[in-house]
PDB file of all heavy atoms in Angstrom:
ATOM      1  N   ILE A   1       0.841  -1.218  -0.020  1.00  0.00           N
ATOM      2  CA  ILE A   1       0.009   0.032   0.010  1.00  0.00           C
ATOM      3  C   ILE A   1       0.873   1.291   0.041  1.00  0.00           C
ATOM      4  O   ILE A   1       0.599   2.225  -0.682  1.00  0.00           O
ATOM      5  CB  ILE A   1      -0.919   0.002   1.269  1.00  0.00           C
ATOM      6  CG1 ILE A   1      -1.908  -1.198   1.073  1.00  0.00           C
ATOM      7  CG2 ILE A   1      -1.755   1.280   1.280  1.00  0.00           C
ATOM      8  CD1 ILE A   1      -2.600  -1.553   2.411  1.00  0.00           C
ATOM      9  N   ALA A   2       1.974   1.227   0.741  1.00  0.00           N
ATOM     10  CA  ALA A   2       2.889   2.364   0.879  1.00  0.00           C
ATOM     11  C   ALA A   2       3.450   2.645  -0.555  1.00  0.00           C
ATOM     12  O   ALA A   2       3.576   3.838  -0.969  1.00  0.00           O
ATOM     13  CB  ALA A   2       4.004   2.080   1.871  1.00  0.00           C
ATOM     14  N   LEU A   3       3.885   1.581  -1.221  1.00  0.00           N
ATOM     15  CA  LEU A   3       4.415   1.759  -2.621  1.00  0.00           C
ATOM     16  C   LEU A   3       3.449   2.366  -3.556  1.00  0.00           C
ATOM     17  O   LEU A   3       3.743   3.321  -4.336  1.00  0.00           O
ATOM     18  CB  LEU A   3       4.959   0.417  -3.144  1.00  0.00           C
ATOM     19  CG  LEU A   3       6.191  -0.245  -2.496  1.00  0.00           C
ATOM     20  CD1 LEU A   3       6.287  -1.668  -2.776  1.00  0.00           C
ATOM     21  CD2 LEU A   3       7.398   0.598  -3.024  1.00  0.00           C
ATOM     22  N   VAL A   4       2.206   1.858  -3.574  1.00  0.00           N
ATOM     23  CA  VAL A   4       1.194   2.376  -4.502  1.00  0.00           C
ATOM     24  C   VAL A   4       0.832   3.837  -4.128  1.00  0.00           C
ATOM     25  O   VAL A   4       0.670   4.694  -5.019  1.00  0.00           O
ATOM     26  CB  VAL A   4      -0.043   1.497  -4.507  1.00  0.00           C
ATOM     27  CG1 VAL A   4      -1.120   2.121  -5.505  1.00  0.00           C
ATOM     28  CG2 VAL A   4       0.355   0.034  -4.982  1.00  0.00           C
ATOM     29  N   TYR A   5       0.679   4.070  -2.768  1.00  0.00           N
ATOM     30  CA  TYR A   5       0.410   5.422  -2.314  1.00  0.00           C
ATOM     31  C   TYR A   5       1.501   6.364  -2.807  1.00  0.00           C
ATOM     32  O   TYR A   5       1.242   7.491  -3.289  1.00  0.00           O
ATOM     33  CB  TYR A   5       0.347   5.492  -0.761  1.00  0.00           C
ATOM     34  CG  TYR A   5       0.062   6.904  -0.274  1.00  0.00           C
ATOM     35  CD1 TYR A   5      -1.178   7.329  -0.135  1.00  0.00           C
ATOM     36  CD2 TYR A   5       1.122   7.768   0.055  1.00  0.00           C
ATOM     37  CE1 TYR A   5      -1.446   8.628   0.259  1.00  0.00           C
ATOM     38  CE2 TYR A   5       0.857   9.069   0.455  1.00  0.00           C
ATOM     39  CZ  TYR A   5      -0.420   9.477   0.577  1.00  0.00           C
ATOM     40  OH  TYR A   5      -0.667  10.747   1.033  1.00  0.00           O
ATOM     41  N   THR A   6       2.853   5.945  -2.755  1.00  0.00           N
ATOM     42  CA  THR A   6       3.971   6.774  -3.171  1.00  0.00           C
ATOM     43  C   THR A   6       3.864   7.045  -4.680  1.00  0.00           C
ATOM     44  O   THR A   6       4.117   8.142  -5.145  1.00  0.00           O
ATOM     45  CB  THR A   6       5.242   6.144  -2.815  1.00  0.00           C
ATOM     46  OG1 THR A   6       5.262   5.918  -1.408  1.00  0.00           O
ATOM     47  CG2 THR A   6       6.395   6.984  -3.217  1.00  0.00           C
ATOM     48  N   LEU A   7       3.526   6.000  -5.465  1.00  0.00           N
ATOM     49  CA  LEU A   7       3.389   6.176  -6.865  1.00  0.00           C
ATOM     50  C   LEU A   7       2.244   7.111  -7.240  1.00  0.00           C
ATOM     51  O   LEU A   7       2.398   7.909  -8.195  1.00  0.00           O
ATOM     52  CB  LEU A   7       3.138   4.733  -7.510  1.00  0.00           C
ATOM     53  CG  LEU A   7       4.358   3.832  -7.616  1.00  0.00           C
ATOM     54  CD1 LEU A   7       3.908   2.408  -7.823  1.00  0.00           C
ATOM     55  CD2 LEU A   7       5.348   4.312  -8.669  1.00  0.00           C
ATOM     56  N   ASN A   8       1.138   7.073  -6.488  1.00  0.00           N
ATOM     57  CA  ASN A   8       0.008   7.960  -6.746  1.00  0.00           C
ATOM     58  C   ASN A   8       0.228   9.344  -6.257  1.00  0.00           C
ATOM     59  O   ASN A   8      -0.411  10.283  -6.745  1.00  0.00           O
ATOM     60  CB  ASN A   8      -1.264   7.359  -6.101  1.00  0.00           C
ATOM     61  CG  ASN A   8      -1.806   6.111  -6.772  1.00  0.00           C
ATOM     62  OD1 ASN A   8      -1.129   5.657  -7.747  1.00  0.00           O
ATOM     63  ND2 ASN A   8      -2.737   5.531  -6.205  1.00  0.00           N
ATOM     64  N   ASN A   9       1.091   9.478  -5.215  1.00  0.00           N
ATOM     65  CA  ASN A   9       1.234  10.759  -4.496  1.00  0.00           C
ATOM     66  C   ASN A   9       2.677  11.124  -4.280  1.00  0.00           C
ATOM     67  O   ASN A   9       3.106  11.280  -3.162  1.00  0.00           O
ATOM     68  CB  ASN A   9       0.494  10.800  -3.127  1.00  0.00           C
ATOM     69  CG  ASN A   9      -0.974  10.398  -3.227  1.00  0.00           C
ATOM     70  OD1 ASN A   9      -1.823  11.217  -3.503  1.00  0.00           O
ATOM     71  ND2 ASN A   9      -1.258   9.087  -3.092  1.00  0.00           N
ATOM     72  N   PRO A  10       3.450  11.213  -5.380  1.00  0.00           N
ATOM     73  CA  PRO A  10       4.928  11.363  -5.228  1.00  0.00           C
ATOM     74  C   PRO A  10       5.279  12.579  -4.462  1.00  0.00           C
ATOM     75  O   PRO A  10       6.406  12.637  -3.805  1.00  0.00           O
ATOM     76  CB  PRO A  10       5.433  11.361  -6.639  1.00  0.00           C
ATOM     77  CG  PRO A  10       4.257  11.739  -7.495  1.00  0.00           C
ATOM     78  CD  PRO A  10       3.079  11.097  -6.762  1.00  0.00           C
ATOM     79  N   GLN A  11       4.431  13.629  -4.520  1.00  0.00           N
ATOM     80  CA  GLN A  11       4.832  14.858  -3.838  1.00  0.00           C
ATOM     81  C   GLN A  11       4.576  14.808  -2.360  1.00  0.00           C
ATOM     82  O   GLN A  11       5.157  15.571  -1.629  1.00  0.00           O
ATOM     83  CB  GLN A  11       3.980  16.051  -4.455  1.00  0.00           C
ATOM     84  CG  GLN A  11       2.491  16.066  -4.018  1.00  0.00           C
ATOM     85  CD  GLN A  11       1.649  14.985  -4.608  1.00  0.00           C
ATOM     86  OE1 GLN A  11       1.996  14.213  -5.505  1.00  0.00           O
ATOM     87  NE2 GLN A  11       0.370  14.933  -4.175  1.00  0.00           N
ATOM     88  N   ARG A  12       3.866  13.778  -1.847  1.00  0.00           N
ATOM     89  CA  ARG A  12       3.640  13.730  -0.447  1.00  0.00           C
ATOM     90  C   ARG A  12       4.599  12.889   0.369  1.00  0.00           C
ATOM     91  O   ARG A  12       4.746  13.001   1.551  1.00  0.00           O
ATOM     92  CB  ARG A  12       2.193  13.049  -0.226  1.00  0.00           C
ATOM     93  CG  ARG A  12       0.995  13.709  -0.765  1.00  0.00           C
ATOM     94  CD  ARG A  12       0.827  15.131  -0.306  1.00  0.00           C
ATOM     95  NE  ARG A  12       0.706  15.295   1.103  1.00  0.00           N
ATOM     96  CZ  ARG A  12      -0.474  15.415   1.700  1.00  0.00           C
ATOM     97  NH1 ARG A  12      -1.594  15.354   1.139  1.00  0.00           N
ATOM     98  NH2 ARG A  12      -0.548  15.669   3.073  1.00  0.00           N
ATOM     99  N   VAL A  13       5.277  11.944  -0.323  1.00  0.00           N
ATOM    100  CA  VAL A  13       6.228  11.010   0.383  1.00  0.00           C
ATOM    101  C   VAL A  13       7.667  11.434   0.185  1.00  0.00           C
ATOM    102  O   VAL A  13       8.168  11.550  -0.919  1.00  0.00           O
ATOM    103  CB  VAL A  13       6.032   9.598  -0.224  1.00  0.00           C
ATOM    104  CG1 VAL A  13       6.948   8.679   0.496  1.00  0.00           C
ATOM    105  CG2 VAL A  13       4.485   9.109  -0.009  1.00  0.00           C
ATOM    106  N   SER A  14       8.327  11.689   1.281  1.00  0.00           N
ATOM    107  CA  SER A  14       9.710  12.129   1.285  1.00  0.00           C
ATOM    108  C   SER A  14      10.637  10.960   1.466  1.00  0.00           C
ATOM    109  O   SER A  14      11.773  11.028   0.918  1.00  0.00           O
ATOM    110  CB  SER A  14       9.994  13.182   2.374  1.00  0.00           C
ATOM    111  OG  SER A  14       9.665  12.634   3.689  1.00  0.00           O
ATOM    112  N   ARG A  15      10.242   9.975   2.131  1.00  0.00           N
ATOM    113  CA  ARG A  15      11.056   8.767   2.433  1.00  0.00           C
ATOM    114  C   ARG A  15      10.188   7.502   2.536  1.00  0.00           C
ATOM    115  O   ARG A  15       9.011   7.705   2.984  1.00  0.00           O
ATOM    116  CB  ARG A  15      11.881   8.907   3.638  1.00  0.00           C
ATOM    117  CG  ARG A  15      12.955   9.966   3.540  1.00  0.00           C
ATOM    118  CD  ARG A  15      13.736  10.121   4.855  1.00  0.00           C
ATOM    119  NE  ARG A  15      12.881  10.706   5.878  1.00  0.00           N
ATOM    120  CZ  ARG A  15      13.343  11.317   7.018  1.00  0.00           C
ATOM    121  NH1 ARG A  15      14.605  11.354   7.180  1.00  0.00           N
ATOM    122  NH2 ARG A  15      12.516  11.698   7.898  1.00  0.00           N
ATOM    123  N   LEU A  16      10.708   6.387   2.207  1.00  0.00           N
ATOM    124  CA  LEU A  16       9.929   5.186   2.263  1.00  0.00           C
ATOM    125  C   LEU A  16      10.687   4.117   2.936  1.00  0.00           C
ATOM    126  O   LEU A  16      11.906   3.926   2.806  1.00  0.00           O
ATOM    127  CB  LEU A  16       9.767   4.710   0.818  1.00  0.00           C
ATOM    128  CG  LEU A  16       8.727   3.619   0.409  1.00  0.00           C
ATOM    129  CD1 LEU A  16       7.335   3.939   0.935  1.00  0.00           C
ATOM    130  CD2 LEU A  16       8.695   3.426  -1.081  1.00  0.00           C
ATOM    131  N   VAL A  17       9.949   3.364   3.872  1.00  0.00           N
ATOM    132  CA  VAL A  17      10.596   2.225   4.591  1.00  0.00           C
ATOM    133  C   VAL A  17       9.706   0.967   4.410  1.00  0.00           C
ATOM    134  O   VAL A  17       8.568   1.007   4.684  1.00  0.00           O
ATOM    135  CB  VAL A  17      10.749   2.526   6.123  1.00  0.00           C
ATOM    136  CG1 VAL A  17      11.384   1.340   6.811  1.00  0.00           C
ATOM    137  CG2 VAL A  17      11.558   3.801   6.325  1.00  0.00           C
ATOM    138  N   LEU A  18      10.327  -0.017   3.821  1.00  0.00           N
ATOM    139  CA  LEU A  18       9.610  -1.295   3.610  1.00  0.00           C
ATOM    140  C   LEU A  18      10.215  -2.410   4.443  1.00  0.00           C
ATOM    141  O   LEU A  18      11.428  -2.560   4.427  1.00  0.00           O
ATOM    142  CB  LEU A  18       9.656  -1.659   2.124  1.00  0.00           C
ATOM    143  CG  LEU A  18       9.245  -0.572   1.136  1.00  0.00           C
ATOM    144  CD1 LEU A  18       9.491  -1.141  -0.284  1.00  0.00           C
ATOM    145  CD2 LEU A  18       7.762  -0.229   1.343  1.00  0.00           C
ATOM    146  N   THR A  19       9.378  -3.262   4.988  1.00  0.00           N
ATOM    147  CA  THR A  19       9.887  -4.417   5.753  1.00  0.00           C
ATOM    148  C   THR A  19       8.970  -5.595   5.386  1.00  0.00           C
ATOM    149  O   THR A  19       7.715  -5.467   5.638  1.00  0.00           O
ATOM    150  CB  THR A  19       9.960  -4.135   7.164  1.00  0.00           C
ATOM    151  OG1 THR A  19      10.473  -5.244   7.963  1.00  0.00           O
ATOM    152  CG2 THR A  19       8.714  -3.568   7.865  1.00  0.00           C
ATOM    153  N   GLY A  20       9.454  -6.635   4.796  1.00  0.00           N
ATOM    154  CA  GLY A  20       8.647  -7.783   4.393  1.00  0.00           C
ATOM    155  C   GLY A  20       7.606  -7.421   3.505  1.00  0.00           C
ATOM    156  O   GLY A  20       6.413  -7.964   3.627  1.00  0.00           O
ATOM    157  N   SER A  21       7.796  -6.520   2.633  1.00  0.00           N
ATOM    158  CA  SER A  21       6.754  -5.968   1.765  1.00  0.00           C
ATOM    159  C   SER A  21       6.290  -6.960   0.657  1.00  0.00           C
ATOM    160  O   SER A  21       7.137  -7.567   0.074  1.00  0.00           O
ATOM    161  CB  SER A  21       7.214  -4.626   1.119  1.00  0.00           C
ATOM    162  OG  SER A  21       6.203  -4.086   0.272  1.00  0.00           O
ATOM    163  N   SER A  22       5.027  -6.903   0.407  1.00  0.00           N
ATOM    164  CA  SER A  22       4.546  -7.489  -0.886  1.00  0.00           C
ATOM    165  C   SER A  22       4.615  -6.466  -1.991  1.00  0.00           C
ATOM    166  O   SER A  22       4.991  -5.335  -1.761  1.00  0.00           O
ATOM    167  CB  SER A  22       3.129  -8.055  -0.708  1.00  0.00           C
ATOM    168  OG  SER A  22       2.179  -7.079  -0.345  1.00  0.00           O
ATOM    169  N   GLY A  23       4.239  -6.869  -3.151  1.00  0.00           N
ATOM    170  CA  GLY A  23       4.339  -5.895  -4.282  1.00  0.00           C
ATOM    171  C   GLY A  23       5.116  -6.539  -5.452  1.00  0.00           C
ATOM    172  O   GLY A  23       4.975  -6.196  -6.578  1.00  0.00           O
ATOM    173  N   LEU A  24       6.024  -7.509  -5.085  1.00  0.00           N
ATOM    174  CA  LEU A  24       6.726  -8.234  -6.170  1.00  0.00           C
ATOM    175  C   LEU A  24       6.371  -9.714  -6.025  1.00  0.00           C
ATOM    176  O   LEU A  24       6.190 -10.315  -7.086  1.00  0.00           O
ATOM    177  CB  LEU A  24       8.277  -7.997  -6.030  1.00  0.00           C
ATOM    178  CG  LEU A  24       8.757  -6.592  -6.226  1.00  0.00           C
ATOM    179  CD1 LEU A  24      10.295  -6.527  -5.975  1.00  0.00           C
ATOM    180  CD2 LEU A  24       8.487  -6.223  -7.735  1.00  0.00           C
ATOM    181  N   PHE A  25       6.430 -10.212  -4.918  1.00  0.00           N
ATOM    182  CA  PHE A  25       6.197 -11.621  -4.697  1.00  0.00           C
ATOM    183  C   PHE A  25       5.896 -11.895  -3.260  1.00  0.00           C
ATOM    184  O   PHE A  25       6.439 -11.261  -2.323  1.00  0.00           O
ATOM    185  CB  PHE A  25       7.398 -12.466  -5.014  1.00  0.00           C
ATOM    186  CG  PHE A  25       7.365 -13.897  -4.550  1.00  0.00           C
ATOM    187  CD1 PHE A  25       6.680 -14.936  -5.273  1.00  0.00           C
ATOM    188  CD2 PHE A  25       7.873 -14.299  -3.321  1.00  0.00           C
ATOM    189  CE1 PHE A  25       6.572 -16.205  -4.826  1.00  0.00           C
ATOM    190  CE2 PHE A  25       7.838 -15.596  -2.849  1.00  0.00           C
ATOM    191  CZ  PHE A  25       7.121 -16.545  -3.638  1.00  0.00           C
ATOM    192  N   GLU A  26       4.987 -12.811  -2.996  1.00  0.00           N
ATOM    193  CA  GLU A  26       4.773 -13.264  -1.554  1.00  0.00           C
ATOM    194  C   GLU A  26       4.263 -14.719  -1.569  1.00  0.00           C
ATOM    195  O   GLU A  26       3.507 -15.023  -2.418  1.00  0.00           O
ATOM    196  CB  GLU A  26       3.891 -12.378  -0.716  1.00  0.00           C
ATOM    197  CG  GLU A  26       2.509 -12.297  -1.288  1.00  0.00           C
ATOM    198  CD  GLU A  26       1.608 -11.555  -0.278  1.00  0.00           C
ATOM    199  OE1 GLU A  26       1.880 -11.563   0.928  1.00  0.00           O
ATOM    200  OE2 GLU A  26       0.621 -10.992  -0.785  1.00  0.00           O
ATOM    201  N   ASP A  27       4.776 -15.529  -0.688  1.00  0.00           N
ATOM    202  CA  ASP A  27       4.223 -16.924  -0.456  1.00  0.00           C
ATOM    203  C   ASP A  27       3.125 -16.637   0.487  1.00  0.00           C
ATOM    204  O   ASP A  27       3.300 -16.789   1.673  1.00  0.00           O
ATOM    205  CB  ASP A  27       5.330 -17.896   0.111  1.00  0.00           C
ATOM    206  CG  ASP A  27       4.683 -19.158   0.365  1.00  0.00           C
ATOM    207  OD1 ASP A  27       3.682 -19.489  -0.113  1.00  0.00           O
ATOM    208  OD2 ASP A  27       5.367 -19.955   1.147  1.00  0.00           O
ATOM    209  N   SER A  28       1.953 -16.288  -0.036  1.00  0.00           N
ATOM    210  CA  SER A  28       0.862 -15.870   0.817  1.00  0.00           C
ATOM    211  C   SER A  28       0.094 -16.941   1.465  1.00  0.00           C
ATOM    212  O   SER A  28       0.137 -18.083   1.106  1.00  0.00           O
ATOM    213  CB  SER A  28      -0.086 -15.014  -0.111  1.00  0.00           C
ATOM    214  OG  SER A  28      -1.486 -15.105   0.315  1.00  0.00           O
ATOM    215  N   MET A  29      -0.562 -16.558   2.560  1.00  0.00           N
ATOM    216  CA  MET A  29      -1.444 -17.528   3.289  1.00  0.00           C
ATOM    217  C   MET A  29      -2.645 -17.843   2.310  1.00  0.00           C
ATOM    218  O   MET A  29      -3.416 -18.752   2.601  1.00  0.00           O
ATOM    219  CB  MET A  29      -1.989 -16.918   4.530  1.00  0.00           C
ATOM    220  CG  MET A  29      -0.950 -16.817   5.642  1.00  0.00           C
ATOM    221  SD  MET A  29      -1.691 -16.095   7.090  1.00  0.00           S
ATOM    222  CE  MET A  29      -0.440 -16.446   8.384  1.00  0.00           C
ATOM    223  N   GLY A  30      -2.858 -17.036   1.240  1.00  0.00           N
ATOM    224  CA  GLY A  30      -4.054 -17.165   0.474  1.00  0.00           C
ATOM    225  C   GLY A  30      -4.276 -18.536  -0.162  1.00  0.00           C
ATOM    226  O   GLY A  30      -5.413 -18.937  -0.357  1.00  0.00           O
ATOM    227  N   GLY A  31      -3.220 -19.281  -0.518  1.00  0.00           N
ATOM    228  CA  GLY A  31      -3.429 -20.549  -1.180  1.00  0.00           C
ATOM    229  C   GLY A  31      -4.113 -21.536  -0.441  1.00  0.00           C
ATOM    230  O   GLY A  31      -5.152 -22.145  -0.911  1.00  0.00           O
ATOM    231  N   SER A  32      -3.717 -21.816   0.803  1.00  0.00           N
ATOM    232  CA  SER A  32      -4.391 -22.854   1.592  1.00  0.00           C
ATOM    233  C   SER A  32      -4.964 -22.275   2.862  1.00  0.00           C
ATOM    234  O   SER A  32      -5.172 -23.034   3.851  1.00  0.00           O
ATOM    235  CB  SER A  32      -3.311 -23.948   1.898  1.00  0.00           C
ATOM    236  OG  SER A  32      -2.243 -23.310   2.652  1.00  0.00           O
ATOM    237  N   PHE A  33      -5.227 -21.043   2.862  1.00  0.00           N
ATOM    238  CA  PHE A  33      -5.586 -20.344   4.078  1.00  0.00           C
ATOM    239  C   PHE A  33      -6.621 -19.360   3.787  1.00  0.00           C
ATOM    240  O   PHE A  33      -6.725 -18.772   2.715  1.00  0.00           O
ATOM    241  CB  PHE A  33      -4.379 -19.559   4.651  1.00  0.00           C
ATOM    242  CG  PHE A  33      -4.551 -18.962   6.033  1.00  0.00           C
ATOM    243  CD1 PHE A  33      -4.191 -19.697   7.153  1.00  0.00           C
ATOM    244  CD2 PHE A  33      -5.093 -17.662   6.138  1.00  0.00           C
ATOM    245  CE1 PHE A  33      -4.330 -19.144   8.436  1.00  0.00           C
ATOM    246  CE2 PHE A  33      -5.307 -17.219   7.370  1.00  0.00           C
ATOM    247  CZ  PHE A  33      -4.908 -17.884   8.509  1.00  0.00           C
ATOM    248  N   PRO A  34      -7.708 -19.174   4.592  1.00  0.00           N
ATOM    249  CA  PRO A  34      -7.782 -19.706   5.975  1.00  0.00           C
ATOM    250  C   PRO A  34      -8.554 -21.040   5.883  1.00  0.00           C
ATOM    251  O   PRO A  34      -9.396 -21.308   5.081  1.00  0.00           O
ATOM    252  CB  PRO A  34      -8.700 -18.670   6.629  1.00  0.00           C
ATOM    253  CG  PRO A  34      -8.972 -17.544   5.588  1.00  0.00           C
ATOM    254  CD  PRO A  34      -8.588 -18.019   4.297  1.00  0.00           C
ATOM    255  N   LYS A  35      -8.140 -21.915   6.861  1.00  0.00           N
ATOM    256  CA  LYS A  35      -8.782 -23.185   7.012  1.00  0.00           C
ATOM    257  C   LYS A  35      -9.666 -23.101   8.267  1.00  0.00           C
ATOM    258  O   LYS A  35      -9.182 -23.015   9.423  1.00  0.00           O
ATOM    259  CB  LYS A  35      -7.746 -24.305   7.161  1.00  0.00           C
ATOM    260  CG  LYS A  35      -8.342 -25.675   7.148  1.00  0.00           C
ATOM    261  CD  LYS A  35      -7.218 -26.737   7.353  1.00  0.00           C
ATOM    262  CE  LYS A  35      -6.602 -27.188   6.030  1.00  0.00           C
ATOM    263  NZ  LYS A  35      -5.704 -28.320   6.262  1.00  0.00           N
ATOM    264  N   ARG A  36     -10.982 -23.159   8.038  1.00  0.00           N
ATOM    265  CA  ARG A  36     -11.917 -22.766   9.144  1.00  0.00           C
ATOM    266  C   ARG A  36     -11.944 -23.866  10.199  1.00  0.00           C
ATOM    267  O   ARG A  36     -11.901 -25.052   9.918  1.00  0.00           O
ATOM    268  CB  ARG A  36     -13.265 -22.514   8.584  1.00  0.00           C
ATOM    269  CG  ARG A  36     -13.364 -21.298   7.628  1.00  0.00           C
ATOM    270  CD  ARG A  36     -14.736 -21.008   7.281  1.00  0.00           C
ATOM    271  NE  ARG A  36     -15.478 -20.584   8.456  1.00  0.00           N
ATOM    272  CZ  ARG A  36     -16.832 -20.379   8.452  1.00  0.00           C
ATOM    273  NH1 ARG A  36     -17.517 -20.657   7.391  1.00  0.00           N
ATOM    274  NH2 ARG A  36     -17.431 -19.946   9.557  1.00  0.00           N
ATOM    275  N   GLY A  37     -11.994 -23.421  11.479  1.00  0.00           N
ATOM    276  CA  GLY A  37     -12.309 -24.318  12.542  1.00  0.00           C
ATOM    277  C   GLY A  37     -11.137 -25.135  13.049  1.00  0.00           C
ATOM    278  O   GLY A  37     -11.301 -25.963  13.844  1.00  0.00           O
ATOM    279  N   ASN A  38      -9.934 -24.891  12.425  1.00  0.00           N
ATOM    280  CA  ASN A  38      -8.759 -25.740  12.777  1.00  0.00           C
ATOM    281  C   ASN A  38      -7.735 -24.920  13.473  1.00  0.00           C
ATOM    282  O   ASN A  38      -6.896 -24.201  12.879  1.00  0.00           O
ATOM    283  CB  ASN A  38      -8.184 -26.419  11.481  1.00  0.00           C
ATOM    284  CG  ASN A  38      -7.087 -27.405  11.760  1.00  0.00           C
ATOM    285  OD1 ASN A  38      -6.342 -27.274  12.846  1.00  0.00           O
ATOM    286  ND2 ASN A  38      -6.894 -28.308  10.971  1.00  0.00           N
ATOM    287  N   TYR A  39      -7.808 -24.854  14.805  1.00  0.00           N
ATOM    288  CA  TYR A  39      -7.023 -23.971  15.633  1.00  0.00           C
ATOM    289  C   TYR A  39      -5.570 -24.246  15.457  1.00  0.00           C
ATOM    290  O   TYR A  39      -4.725 -23.361  15.352  1.00  0.00           O
ATOM    291  CB  TYR A  39      -7.505 -24.028  17.128  1.00  0.00           C
ATOM    292  CG  TYR A  39      -6.810 -22.941  17.967  1.00  0.00           C
ATOM    293  CD1 TYR A  39      -7.359 -21.718  18.105  1.00  0.00           C
ATOM    294  CD2 TYR A  39      -5.610 -23.303  18.642  1.00  0.00           C
ATOM    295  CE1 TYR A  39      -6.794 -20.732  18.845  1.00  0.00           C
ATOM    296  CE2 TYR A  39      -5.014 -22.246  19.461  1.00  0.00           C
ATOM    297  CZ  TYR A  39      -5.630 -21.082  19.551  1.00  0.00           C
ATOM    298  OH  TYR A  39      -5.008 -20.059  20.289  1.00  0.00           O
ATOM    299  N   ALA A  40      -5.224 -25.563  15.501  1.00  0.00           N
ATOM    300  CA  ALA A  40      -3.841 -25.940  15.441  1.00  0.00           C
ATOM    301  C   ALA A  40      -3.168 -25.478  14.045  1.00  0.00           C
ATOM    302  O   ALA A  40      -2.019 -25.030  14.062  1.00  0.00           O
ATOM    303  CB  ALA A  40      -3.706 -27.457  15.470  1.00  0.00           C
ATOM    304  N   TYR A  41      -3.984 -25.577  12.988  1.00  0.00           N
ATOM    305  CA  TYR A  41      -3.472 -25.115  11.726  1.00  0.00           C
ATOM    306  C   TYR A  41      -3.247 -23.593  11.678  1.00  0.00           C
ATOM    307  O   TYR A  41      -2.254 -23.131  11.142  1.00  0.00           O
ATOM    308  CB  TYR A  41      -4.512 -25.510  10.583  1.00  0.00           C
ATOM    309  CG  TYR A  41      -4.112 -25.141   9.218  1.00  0.00           C
ATOM    310  CD1 TYR A  41      -3.154 -25.826   8.512  1.00  0.00           C
ATOM    311  CD2 TYR A  41      -4.655 -23.901   8.610  1.00  0.00           C
ATOM    312  CE1 TYR A  41      -2.765 -25.394   7.192  1.00  0.00           C
ATOM    313  CE2 TYR A  41      -4.284 -23.542   7.392  1.00  0.00           C
ATOM    314  CZ  TYR A  41      -3.326 -24.275   6.668  1.00  0.00           C
ATOM    315  OH  TYR A  41      -2.970 -23.886   5.419  1.00  0.00           O
ATOM    316  N   VAL A  42      -4.244 -22.883  12.246  1.00  0.00           N
ATOM    317  CA  VAL A  42      -4.081 -21.436  12.255  1.00  0.00           C
ATOM    318  C   VAL A  42      -2.858 -21.044  13.100  1.00  0.00           C
ATOM    319  O   VAL A  42      -2.069 -20.173  12.714  1.00  0.00           O
ATOM    320  CB  VAL A  42      -5.360 -20.785  12.842  1.00  0.00           C
ATOM    321  CG1 VAL A  42      -5.140 -19.292  13.116  1.00  0.00           C
ATOM    322  CG2 VAL A  42      -6.558 -20.947  11.903  1.00  0.00           C
ATOM    323  N   LYS A  43      -2.690 -21.686  14.236  1.00  0.00           N
ATOM    324  CA  LYS A  43      -1.511 -21.461  15.083  1.00  0.00           C
ATOM    325  C   LYS A  43      -0.182 -21.673  14.302  1.00  0.00           C
ATOM    326  O   LYS A  43       0.759 -20.837  14.444  1.00  0.00           O
ATOM    327  CB  LYS A  43      -1.545 -22.359  16.312  1.00  0.00           C
ATOM    328  CG  LYS A  43      -0.457 -21.994  17.297  1.00  0.00           C
ATOM    329  CD  LYS A  43      -0.600 -22.861  18.583  1.00  0.00           C
ATOM    330  CE  LYS A  43       0.493 -22.511  19.600  1.00  0.00           C
ATOM    331  NZ  LYS A  43       0.456 -23.256  20.858  1.00  0.00           N
TER     332      LYS A  43
END
């Protein structure tokens, strides 16, 4: 979100700090997640 905000509002952002950012690649929880009702899996 910070990256897209900066691209959309270049005059507003003076510096950018990214940590573990998505935007290029992520091994997301989305593929097999969320699995409902399975507390051990969520943990």
